[in-house]
Amino acid sequence: MQMQIDSVCYTRSMRTTVNLPDTLLKNAKRRATERGVTLSSLLEDALRSHLSAKRPPGASAFRLYTVRGRLVQPDLDLDRTSALLAADDESAYPRGRA
């Protein structure tokens, strides 16, 4: 069995400034010390790992079904759940039934 491995070789280094939250930086420095590597090496490994990770498949397509005609009540405010509940109750229990 043969496996193909895609790899990228980075031969040059570039200095850059990155703003990190204090706690994240402290945790990264502690982890680098625990592993016996430099902070730069730890960040490089973490970034490579993140960039090479497989992305999860996107959400499945959503289809919105709409209706026209008698089912639509243009005066009903869909942002007010109390209005929706009242309309539902009124359709289930019409007035004048006694």
PDB file of N, CA and C in Angstrom:
ATOM      1  N   MET A   1       0.846  -1.177   0.000  1.00  0.00           N
ATOM      2  CA  MET A   1       0.000   0.000   0.000  1.00  0.00           C
ATOM      3  C   MET A   1       0.888   1.237   0.000  1.00  0.00           C
ATOM      4  N   GLN A   2       0.575   2.151  -0.874  1.00  0.00           N
ATOM      5  CA  GLN A   2       1.374   3.350  -1.005  1.00  0.00           C
ATOM      6  C   GLN A   2       0.543   4.567  -0.625  1.00  0.00           C
ATOM      7  N   MET A   3       1.118   5.468   0.168  1.00  0.00           N
ATOM      8  CA  MET A   3       0.425   6.687   0.574  1.00  0.00           C
ATOM      9  C   MET A   3       1.124   7.880  -0.021  1.00  0.00           C
ATOM     10  N   GLN A   4       0.326   8.798  -0.509  1.00  0.00           N
ATOM     11  CA  GLN A   4       0.884  10.043  -1.003  1.00  0.00           C
ATOM     12  C   GLN A   4       0.730  11.097   0.081  1.00  0.00           C
ATOM     13  N   ILE A   5       1.801  11.757   0.397  1.00  0.00           N
ATOM     14  CA  ILE A   5       1.769  12.793   1.428  1.00  0.00           C
ATOM     15  C   ILE A   5       2.123  14.115   0.776  1.00  0.00           C
ATOM     16  N   ASP A   6       1.216  15.057   0.878  1.00  0.00           N
ATOM     17  CA  ASP A   6       1.479  16.398   0.362  1.00  0.00           C
ATOM     18  C   ASP A   6       2.221  17.178   1.430  1.00  0.00           C
ATOM     19  N   SER A   7       3.306  17.794   1.043  1.00  0.00           N
ATOM     20  CA  SER A   7       4.041  18.588   2.020  1.00  0.00           C
ATOM     21  C   SER A   7       4.534  19.868   1.370  1.00  0.00           C
ATOM     22  N   VAL A   8       4.710  20.853   2.189  1.00  0.00           N
ATOM     23  CA  VAL A   8       5.219  22.139   1.742  1.00  0.00           C
ATOM     24  C   VAL A   8       6.474  22.407   2.550  1.00  0.00           C
ATOM     25  N   CYS A   9       7.499  22.820   1.889  1.00  0.00           N
ATOM     26  CA  CYS A   9       8.753  23.103   2.579  1.00  0.00           C
ATOM     27  C   CYS A   9       8.913  24.610   2.719  1.00  0.00           C
ATOM     28  N   TYR A  10       9.035  25.040   3.947  1.00  0.00           N
ATOM     29  CA  TYR A  10       9.255  26.453   4.222  1.00  0.00           C
ATOM     30  C   TYR A  10      10.737  26.628   4.552  1.00  0.00           C
ATOM     31  N   THR A  11      11.442  27.363   3.726  1.00  0.00           N
ATOM     32  CA  THR A  11      12.881  27.487   3.940  1.00  0.00           C
ATOM     33  C   THR A  11      13.278  28.829   4.537  1.00  0.00           C
ATOM     34  N   ARG A  12      12.421  29.816   4.410  1.00  0.00           N
ATOM     35  CA  ARG A  12      12.768  31.124   4.940  1.00  0.00           C
ATOM     36  C   ARG A  12      11.866  31.468   6.112  1.00  0.00           C
ATOM     37  N   SER A  13      12.408  32.271   6.985  1.00  0.00           N
ATOM     38  CA  SER A  13      11.621  32.740   8.126  1.00  0.00           C
ATOM     39  C   SER A  13      11.368  34.231   7.967  1.00  0.00           C
ATOM     40  N   MET A  14      10.261  34.663   8.522  1.00  0.00           N
ATOM     41  CA  MET A  14       9.925  36.079   8.462  1.00  0.00           C
ATOM     42  C   MET A  14       9.480  36.504   9.857  1.00  0.00           C
ATOM     43  N   ARG A  15       9.925  37.632  10.262  1.00  0.00           N
ATOM     44  CA  ARG A  15       9.486  38.168  11.555  1.00  0.00           C
ATOM     45  C   ARG A  15       8.174  38.890  11.352  1.00  0.00           C
ATOM     46  N   THR A  16       7.291  38.719  12.315  1.00  0.00           N
ATOM     47  CA  THR A  16       6.016  39.424  12.256  1.00  0.00           C
ATOM     48  C   THR A  16       5.529  39.670  13.673  1.00  0.00           C
ATOM     49  N   THR A  17       4.602  40.568  13.806  1.00  0.00           N
ATOM     50  CA  THR A  17       4.016  40.871  15.105  1.00  0.00           C
ATOM     51  C   THR A  17       2.592  40.360  15.115  1.00  0.00           C
ATOM     52  N   VAL A  18       2.254  39.644  16.172  1.00  0.00           N
ATOM     53  CA  VAL A  18       0.918  39.091  16.325  1.00  0.00           C
ATOM     54  C   VAL A  18       0.401  39.512  17.689  1.00  0.00           C
ATOM     55  N   ASN A  19      -0.820  39.998  17.748  1.00  0.00           N
ATOM     56  CA  ASN A  19      -1.426  40.365  19.026  1.00  0.00           C
ATOM     57  C   ASN A  19      -2.207  39.175  19.558  1.00  0.00           C
ATOM     58  N   LEU A  20      -1.852  38.733  20.753  1.00  0.00           N
ATOM     59  CA  LEU A  20      -2.511  37.603  21.408  1.00  0.00           C
ATOM     60  C   LEU A  20      -2.989  38.028  22.786  1.00  0.00           C
ATOM     61  N   PRO A  21      -4.085  37.454  23.260  1.00  0.00           N
ATOM     62  CA  PRO A  21      -4.499  37.725  24.635  1.00  0.00           C
ATOM     63  C   PRO A  21      -3.403  37.259  25.606  1.00  0.00           C
ATOM     64  N   ASP A  22      -3.249  37.988  26.702  1.00  0.00           N
ATOM     65  CA  ASP A  22      -2.186  37.679  27.675  1.00  0.00           C
ATOM     66  C   ASP A  22      -2.234  36.236  28.150  1.00  0.00           C
ATOM     67  N   THR A  23      -3.421  35.744  28.470  1.00  0.00           N
ATOM     68  CA  THR A  23      -3.510  34.371  28.991  1.00  0.00           C
ATOM     69  C   THR A  23      -3.112  33.346  27.936  1.00  0.00           C
ATOM     70  N   LEU A  24      -3.472  33.585  26.680  1.00  0.00           N
ATOM     71  CA  LEU A  24      -3.083  32.665  25.611  1.00  0.00           C
ATOM     72  C   LEU A  24      -1.573  32.638  25.444  1.00  0.00           C
ATOM     73  N   LEU A  25      -0.948  33.793  25.482  1.00  0.00           N
ATOM     74  CA  LEU A  25       0.503  33.874  25.355  1.00  0.00           C
ATOM     75  C   LEU A  25       1.196  33.176  26.527  1.00  0.00           C
ATOM     76  N   LYS A  26       0.700  33.401  27.744  1.00  0.00           N
ATOM     77  CA  LYS A  26       1.291  32.739  28.914  1.00  0.00           C
ATOM     78  C   LYS A  26       1.179  31.222  28.797  1.00  0.00           C
ATOM     79  N   ASN A  27       0.001  30.738  28.367  1.00  0.00           N
ATOM     80  CA  ASN A  27      -0.182  29.289  28.208  1.00  0.00           C
ATOM     81  C   ASN A  27       0.732  28.729  27.118  1.00  0.00           C
ATOM     82  N   ALA A  28       0.898  29.479  26.040  1.00  0.00           N
ATOM     83  CA  ALA A  28       1.768  29.022  24.951  1.00  0.00           C
ATOM     84  C   ALA A  28       3.223  28.975  25.413  1.00  0.00           C
ATOM     85  N   LYS A  29       3.660  29.989  26.140  1.00  0.00           N
ATOM     86  CA  LYS A  29       5.039  29.991  26.653  1.00  0.00           C
ATOM     87  C   LYS A  29       5.266  28.831  27.612  1.00  0.00           C
ATOM     88  N   ARG A  30       4.273  28.569  28.474  1.00  0.00           N
ATOM     89  CA  ARG A  30       4.392  27.456  29.418  1.00  0.00           C
ATOM     90  C   ARG A  30       4.482  26.130  28.674  1.00  0.00           C
ATOM     91  N   ARG A  31       3.638  25.965  27.648  1.00  0.00           N
ATOM     92  CA  ARG A  31       3.642  24.720  26.881  1.00  0.00           C
ATOM     93  C   ARG A  31       4.959  24.538  26.138  1.00  0.00           C
ATOM     94  N   ALA A  32       5.497  25.625  25.591  1.00  0.00           N
ATOM     95  CA  ALA A  32       6.786  25.546  24.892  1.00  0.00           C
ATOM     96  C   ALA A  32       7.892  25.120  25.858  1.00  0.00           C
ATOM     97  N   THR A  33       7.879  25.689  27.061  1.00  0.00           N
ATOM     98  CA  THR A  33       8.874  25.314  28.071  1.00  0.00           C
ATOM     99  C   THR A  33       8.735  23.848  28.451  1.00  0.00           C
ATOM    100  N   GLU A  34       7.487  23.385  28.652  1.00  0.00           N
ATOM    101  CA  GLU A  34       7.247  21.981  28.995  1.00  0.00           C
ATOM    102  C   GLU A  34       7.777  21.044  27.916  1.00  0.00           C
ATOM    103  N   ARG A  35       7.651  21.427  26.680  1.00  0.00           N
ATOM    104  CA  ARG A  35       8.086  20.582  25.564  1.00  0.00           C
ATOM    105  C   ARG A  35       9.564  20.772  25.218  1.00  0.00           C
ATOM    106  N   GLY A  36      10.155  21.803  25.789  1.00  0.00           N
ATOM    107  CA  GLY A  36      11.564  22.059  25.510  1.00  0.00           C
ATOM    108  C   GLY A  36      11.805  22.633  24.124  1.00  0.00           C
ATOM    109  N   VAL A  37      10.853  23.426  23.643  1.00  0.00           N
ATOM    110  CA  VAL A  37      10.988  24.057  22.328  1.00  0.00           C
ATOM    111  C   VAL A  37      10.803  25.558  22.482  1.00  0.00           C
ATOM    112  N   THR A  38      11.140  26.289  21.451  1.00  0.00           N
ATOM    113  CA  THR A  38      10.952  27.736  21.490  1.00  0.00           C
ATOM    114  C   THR A  38       9.476  28.060  21.254  1.00  0.00           C
ATOM    115  N   LEU A  39       9.103  29.260  21.655  1.00  0.00           N
ATOM    116  CA  LEU A  39       7.738  29.717  21.415  1.00  0.00           C
ATOM    117  C   LEU A  39       7.460  29.767  19.916  1.00  0.00           C
ATOM    118  N   SER A  40       8.430  30.235  19.142  1.00  0.00           N
ATOM    119  CA  SER A  40       8.265  30.290  17.687  1.00  0.00           C
ATOM    120  C   SER A  40       8.001  28.906  17.107  1.00  0.00           C
ATOM    121  N   SER A  41       8.734  27.928  17.577  1.00  0.00           N
ATOM    122  CA  SER A  41       8.565  26.555  17.088  1.00  0.00           C
ATOM    123  C   SER A  41       7.186  26.008  17.456  1.00  0.00           C
ATOM    124  N   LEU A  42       6.739  26.288  18.669  1.00  0.00           N
ATOM    125  CA  LEU A  42       5.416  25.831  19.103  1.00  0.00           C
ATOM    126  C   LEU A  42       4.321  26.468  18.248  1.00  0.00           C
ATOM    127  N   LEU A  43       4.427  27.780  18.022  1.00  0.00           N
ATOM    128  CA  LEU A  43       3.424  28.474  17.217  1.00  0.00           C
ATOM    129  C   LEU A  43       3.459  27.997  15.767  1.00  0.00           C
ATOM    130  N   GLU A  44       4.627  27.743  15.243  1.00  0.00           N
ATOM    131  CA  GLU A  44       4.752  27.234  13.873  1.00  0.00           C
ATOM    132  C   GLU A  44       4.082  25.871  13.751  1.00  0.00           C
ATOM    133  N   ASP A  45       4.340  24.979  14.698  1.00  0.00           N
ATOM    134  CA  ASP A  45       3.714  23.648  14.668  1.00  0.00           C
ATOM    135  C   ASP A  45       2.197  23.744  14.775  1.00  0.00           C
ATOM    136  N   ALA A  46       1.723  24.619  15.666  1.00  0.00           N
ATOM    137  CA  ALA A  46       0.282  24.765  15.856  1.00  0.00           C
ATOM    138  C   ALA A  46      -0.375  25.320  14.589  1.00  0.00           C
ATOM    139  N   LEU A  47       0.252  26.299  13.964  1.00  0.00           N
ATOM    140  CA  LEU A  47      -0.295  26.896  12.752  1.00  0.00           C
ATOM    141  C   LEU A  47      -0.292  25.898  11.598  1.00  0.00           C
ATOM    142  N   ARG A  48       0.792  25.149  11.441  1.00  0.00           N
ATOM    143  CA  ARG A  48       0.842  24.122  10.391  1.00  0.00           C
ATOM    144  C   ARG A  48      -0.245  23.073  10.609  1.00  0.00           C
ATOM    145  N   SER A  49      -0.402  22.652  11.849  1.00  0.00           N
ATOM    146  CA  SER A  49      -1.420  21.644  12.162  1.00  0.00           C
ATOM    147  C   SER A  49      -2.814  22.161  11.834  1.00  0.00           C
ATOM    148  N   HIS A  50      -3.076  23.390  12.208  1.00  0.00           N
ATOM    149  CA  HIS A  50      -4.394  23.982  11.952  1.00  0.00           C
ATOM    150  C   HIS A  50      -4.653  24.118  10.453  1.00  0.00           C
ATOM    151  N   LEU A  51      -3.659  24.565   9.707  1.00  0.00           N
ATOM    152  CA  LEU A  51      -3.826  24.773   8.273  1.00  0.00           C
ATOM    153  C   LEU A  51      -3.927  23.468   7.487  1.00  0.00           C
ATOM    154  N   SER A  52      -3.355  22.394   8.005  1.00  0.00           N
ATOM    155  CA  SER A  52      -3.397  21.125   7.282  1.00  0.00           C
ATOM    156  C   SER A  52      -4.592  20.256   7.669  1.00  0.00           C
ATOM    157  N   ALA A  53      -5.334  20.667   8.680  1.00  0.00           N
ATOM    158  CA  ALA A  53      -6.486  19.874   9.138  1.00  0.00           C
ATOM    159  C   ALA A  53      -7.570  19.854   8.070  1.00  0.00           C
ATOM    160  N   LYS A  54      -8.228  18.731   7.970  1.00  0.00           N
ATOM    161  CA  LYS A  54      -9.338  18.604   7.026  1.00  0.00           C
ATOM    162  C   LYS A  54     -10.508  19.413   7.548  1.00  0.00           C
ATOM    163  N   ARG A  55     -11.147  20.128   6.639  1.00  0.00           N
ATOM    164  CA  ARG A  55     -12.315  20.916   7.023  1.00  0.00           C
ATOM    165  C   ARG A  55     -13.541  20.025   7.027  1.00  0.00           C
ATOM    166  N   PRO A  56     -14.416  20.213   8.011  1.00  0.00           N
ATOM    167  CA  PRO A  56     -15.659  19.426   8.014  1.00  0.00           C
ATOM    168  C   PRO A  56     -16.525  19.837   6.833  1.00  0.00           C
ATOM    169  N   PRO A  57     -17.315  18.904   6.326  1.00  0.00           N
ATOM    170  CA  PRO A  57     -18.179  19.258   5.200  1.00  0.00           C
ATOM    171  C   PRO A  57     -19.164  20.346   5.615  1.00  0.00           C
ATOM    172  N   GLY A  58     -19.530  21.184   4.665  1.00  0.00           N
ATOM    173  CA  GLY A  58     -20.452  22.282   4.940  1.00  0.00           C
ATOM    174  C   GLY A  58     -21.839  21.758   5.266  1.00  0.00           C
ATOM    175  N   ALA A  59     -22.635  22.611   5.785  1.00  0.00           N
ATOM    176  CA  ALA A  59     -24.012  22.242   6.122  1.00  0.00           C
ATOM    177  C   ALA A  59     -24.767  21.894   4.843  1.00  0.00           C
ATOM    178  N   SER A  60     -25.684  20.981   4.969  1.00  0.00           N
ATOM    179  CA  SER A  60     -26.465  20.605   3.801  1.00  0.00           C
ATOM    180  C   SER A  60     -27.357  21.772   3.378  1.00  0.00           C
ATOM    181  N   ALA A  61     -27.709  21.761   2.135  1.00  0.00           N
ATOM    182  CA  ALA A  61     -28.518  22.847   1.587  1.00  0.00           C
ATOM    183  C   ALA A  61     -29.865  22.903   2.299  1.00  0.00           C
ATOM    184  N   PHE A  62     -30.311  24.108   2.540  1.00  0.00           N
ATOM    185  CA  PHE A  62     -31.585  24.322   3.218  1.00  0.00           C
ATOM    186  C   PHE A  62     -32.589  24.804   2.189  1.00  0.00           C
ATOM    187  N   ARG A  63     -33.720  24.161   2.153  1.00  0.00           N
ATOM    188  CA  ARG A  63     -34.758  24.581   1.217  1.00  0.00           C
ATOM    189  C   ARG A  63     -35.911  25.156   2.026  1.00  0.00           C
ATOM    190  N   LEU A  64     -36.278  26.362   1.688  1.00  0.00           N
ATOM    191  CA  LEU A  64     -37.371  27.050   2.359  1.00  0.00           C
ATOM    192  C   LEU A  64     -38.619  26.905   1.501  1.00  0.00           C
ATOM    193  N   TYR A  65     -39.628  26.288   2.064  1.00  0.00           N
ATOM    194  CA  TYR A  65     -40.887  26.123   1.364  1.00  0.00           C
ATOM    195  C   TYR A  65     -41.800  27.296   1.717  1.00  0.00           C
ATOM    196  N   THR A  66     -42.368  27.901   0.722  1.00  0.00           N
ATOM    197  CA  THR A  66     -43.263  29.028   0.930  1.00  0.00           C
ATOM    198  C   THR A  66     -44.632  28.707   0.356  1.00  0.00           C
ATOM    199  N   VAL A  67     -45.624  29.447   0.821  1.00  0.00           N
ATOM    200  CA  VAL A  67     -46.990  29.240   0.339  1.00  0.00           C
ATOM    201  C   VAL A  67     -47.575  30.578  -0.084  1.00  0.00           C
ATOM    202  N   ARG A  68     -48.586  30.508  -0.929  1.00  0.00           N
ATOM    203  CA  ARG A  68     -49.298  31.718  -1.351  1.00  0.00           C
ATOM    204  C   ARG A  68     -50.784  31.495  -1.135  1.00  0.00           C
ATOM    205  N   GLY A  69     -51.499  32.570  -0.977  1.00  0.00           N
ATOM    206  CA  GLY A  69     -52.949  32.465  -0.934  1.00  0.00           C
ATOM    207  C   GLY A  69     -53.522  32.495   0.459  1.00  0.00           C
ATOM    208  N   ARG A  70     -54.499  31.617   0.708  1.00  0.00           N
ATOM    209  CA  ARG A  70     -55.290  31.654   1.945  1.00  0.00           C
ATOM    210  C   ARG A  70     -54.473  31.425   3.210  1.00  0.00           C
ATOM    211  N   LEU A  71     -53.353  30.728   3.123  1.00  0.00           N
ATOM    212  CA  LEU A  71     -52.588  30.407   4.324  1.00  0.00           C
ATOM    213  C   LEU A  71     -51.796  31.595   4.866  1.00  0.00           C
ATOM    214  N   VAL A  72     -51.582  32.575   4.042  1.00  0.00           N
ATOM    215  CA  VAL A  72     -50.767  33.723   4.437  1.00  0.00           C
ATOM    216  C   VAL A  72     -51.655  34.800   5.040  1.00  0.00           C
ATOM    217  N   GLN A  73     -51.252  35.302   6.203  1.00  0.00           N
ATOM    218  CA  GLN A  73     -51.963  36.403   6.851  1.00  0.00           C
ATOM    219  C   GLN A  73     -51.016  37.601   6.884  1.00  0.00           C
ATOM    220  N   PRO A  74     -51.155  38.530   5.957  1.00  0.00           N
ATOM    221  CA  PRO A  74     -50.204  39.635   5.847  1.00  0.00           C
ATOM    222  C   PRO A  74     -50.143  40.529   7.079  1.00  0.00           C
ATOM    223  N   ASP A  75     -51.203  40.558   7.893  1.00  0.00           N
ATOM    224  CA  ASP A  75     -51.205  41.424   9.074  1.00  0.00           C
ATOM    225  C   ASP A  75     -50.585  40.738  10.301  1.00  0.00           C
ATOM    226  N   LEU A  76     -50.143  39.500  10.190  1.00  0.00           N
ATOM    227  CA  LEU A  76     -49.572  38.761  11.315  1.00  0.00           C
ATOM    228  C   LEU A  76     -48.082  39.066  11.432  1.00  0.00           C
ATOM    229  N   ASP A  77     -47.665  39.532  12.599  1.00  0.00           N
ATOM    230  CA  ASP A  77     -46.267  39.870  12.861  1.00  0.00           C
ATOM    231  C   ASP A  77     -45.548  38.618  13.352  1.00  0.00           C
ATOM    232  N   LEU A  78     -44.688  38.054  12.531  1.00  0.00           N
ATOM    233  CA  LEU A  78     -43.998  36.811  12.878  1.00  0.00           C
ATOM    234  C   LEU A  78     -42.940  36.994  13.956  1.00  0.00           C
ATOM    235  N   ASP A  79     -42.597  38.227  14.273  1.00  0.00           N
ATOM    236  CA  ASP A  79     -41.622  38.488  15.328  1.00  0.00           C
ATOM    237  C   ASP A  79     -42.258  38.476  16.719  1.00  0.00           C
ATOM    238  N   ARG A  80     -43.577  38.455  16.778  1.00  0.00           N
ATOM    239  CA  ARG A  80     -44.274  38.450  18.069  1.00  0.00           C
ATOM    240  C   ARG A  80     -44.885  37.069  18.283  1.00  0.00           C
ATOM    241  N   THR A  81     -44.264  36.285  19.125  1.00  0.00           N
ATOM    242  CA  THR A  81     -44.760  34.927  19.351  1.00  0.00           C
ATOM    243  C   THR A  81     -46.133  34.940  20.004  1.00  0.00           C
ATOM    244  N   SER A  82     -46.427  35.964  20.792  1.00  0.00           N
ATOM    245  CA  SER A  82     -47.751  36.023  21.416  1.00  0.00           C
ATOM    246  C   SER A  82     -48.835  36.164  20.346  1.00  0.00           C
ATOM    247  N   ALA A  83     -48.541  36.910  19.290  1.00  0.00           N
ATOM    248  CA  ALA A  83     -49.504  37.055  18.194  1.00  0.00           C
ATOM    249  C   ALA A  83     -49.684  35.732  17.459  1.00  0.00           C
ATOM    250  N   LEU A  84     -48.598  34.995  17.308  1.00  0.00           N
ATOM    251  CA  LEU A  84     -48.691  33.685  16.661  1.00  0.00           C
ATOM    252  C   LEU A  84     -49.536  32.723  17.487  1.00  0.00           C
ATOM    253  N   LEU A  85     -49.324  32.717  18.793  1.00  0.00           N
ATOM    254  CA  LEU A  85     -50.102  31.836  19.678  1.00  0.00           C
ATOM    255  C   LEU A  85     -51.574  32.218  19.677  1.00  0.00           C
ATOM    256  N   ALA A  86     -51.840  33.519  19.708  1.00  0.00           N
ATOM    257  CA  ALA A  86     -53.228  33.981  19.696  1.00  0.00           C
ATOM    258  C   ALA A  86     -53.909  33.576  18.384  1.00  0.00           C
ATOM    259  N   ALA A  87     -53.218  33.747  17.263  1.00  0.00           N
ATOM    260  CA  ALA A  87     -53.797  33.370  15.973  1.00  0.00           C
ATOM    261  C   ALA A  87     -54.047  31.863  15.918  1.00  0.00           C
ATOM    262  N   ASP A  88     -53.138  31.094  16.471  1.00  0.00           N
ATOM    263  CA  ASP A  88     -53.304  29.640  16.497  1.00  0.00           C
ATOM    264  C   ASP A  88     -54.510  29.250  17.350  1.00  0.00           C
ATOM    265  N   ASP A  89     -54.643  29.882  18.513  1.00  0.00           N
ATOM    266  CA  ASP A  89     -55.797  29.601  19.375  1.00  0.00           C
ATOM    267  C   ASP A  89     -57.107  30.005  18.703  1.00  0.00           C
ATOM    268  N   GLU A  90     -57.105  31.147  18.039  1.00  0.00           N
ATOM    269  CA  GLU A  90     -58.322  31.615  17.380  1.00  0.00           C
ATOM    270  C   GLU A  90     -58.743  30.689  16.249  1.00  0.00           C
ATOM    271  N   SER A  91     -57.765  30.128  15.547  1.00  0.00           N
ATOM    272  CA  SER A  91     -58.130  29.207  14.464  1.00  0.00           C
ATOM    273  C   SER A  91     -58.592  27.860  15.024  1.00  0.00           C
ATOM    274  N   ALA A  92     -58.072  27.459  16.161  1.00  0.00           N
ATOM    275  CA  ALA A  92     -58.464  26.181  16.760  1.00  0.00           C
ATOM    276  C   ALA A  92     -59.816  26.296  17.498  1.00  0.00           C
ATOM    277  N   TYR A  93     -60.052  27.463  18.085  1.00  0.00           N
ATOM    278  CA  TYR A  93     -61.276  27.677  18.868  1.00  0.00           C
ATOM    279  C   TYR A  93     -61.964  28.949  18.388  1.00  0.00           C
ATOM    280  N   PRO A  94     -62.663  28.905  17.257  1.00  0.00           N
ATOM    281  CA  PRO A  94     -63.301  30.116  16.748  1.00  0.00           C
ATOM    282  C   PRO A  94     -64.329  30.660  17.714  1.00  0.00           C
ATOM    283  N   ARG A  95     -64.498  31.967  17.687  1.00  0.00           N
ATOM    284  CA  ARG A  95     -65.502  32.626  18.551  1.00  0.00           C
ATOM    285  C   ARG A  95     -66.889  32.323  18.046  1.00  0.00           C
ATOM    286  N   GLY A  96     -67.829  32.383  18.935  1.00  0.00           N
ATOM    287  CA  GLY A  96     -69.211  32.165  18.559  1.00  0.00           C
ATOM    288  C   GLY A  96     -69.631  30.700  18.701  1.00  0.00           C
ATOM    289  N   ARG A  97     -68.713  29.858  19.071  1.00  0.00           N
ATOM    290  CA  ARG A  97     -69.036  28.450  19.308  1.00  0.00           C
ATOM    291  C   ARG A  97     -69.353  28.290  20.780  1.00  0.00           C
ATOM    292  N   ALA A  98     -70.528  28.017  21.127  1.00  0.00           N
ATOM    293  CA  ALA A  98     -70.857  27.857  22.542  1.00  0.00           C
ATOM    294  C   ALA A  98     -71.769  26.694  22.752  1.00  0.00           C
TER     295      ALA A  98
END
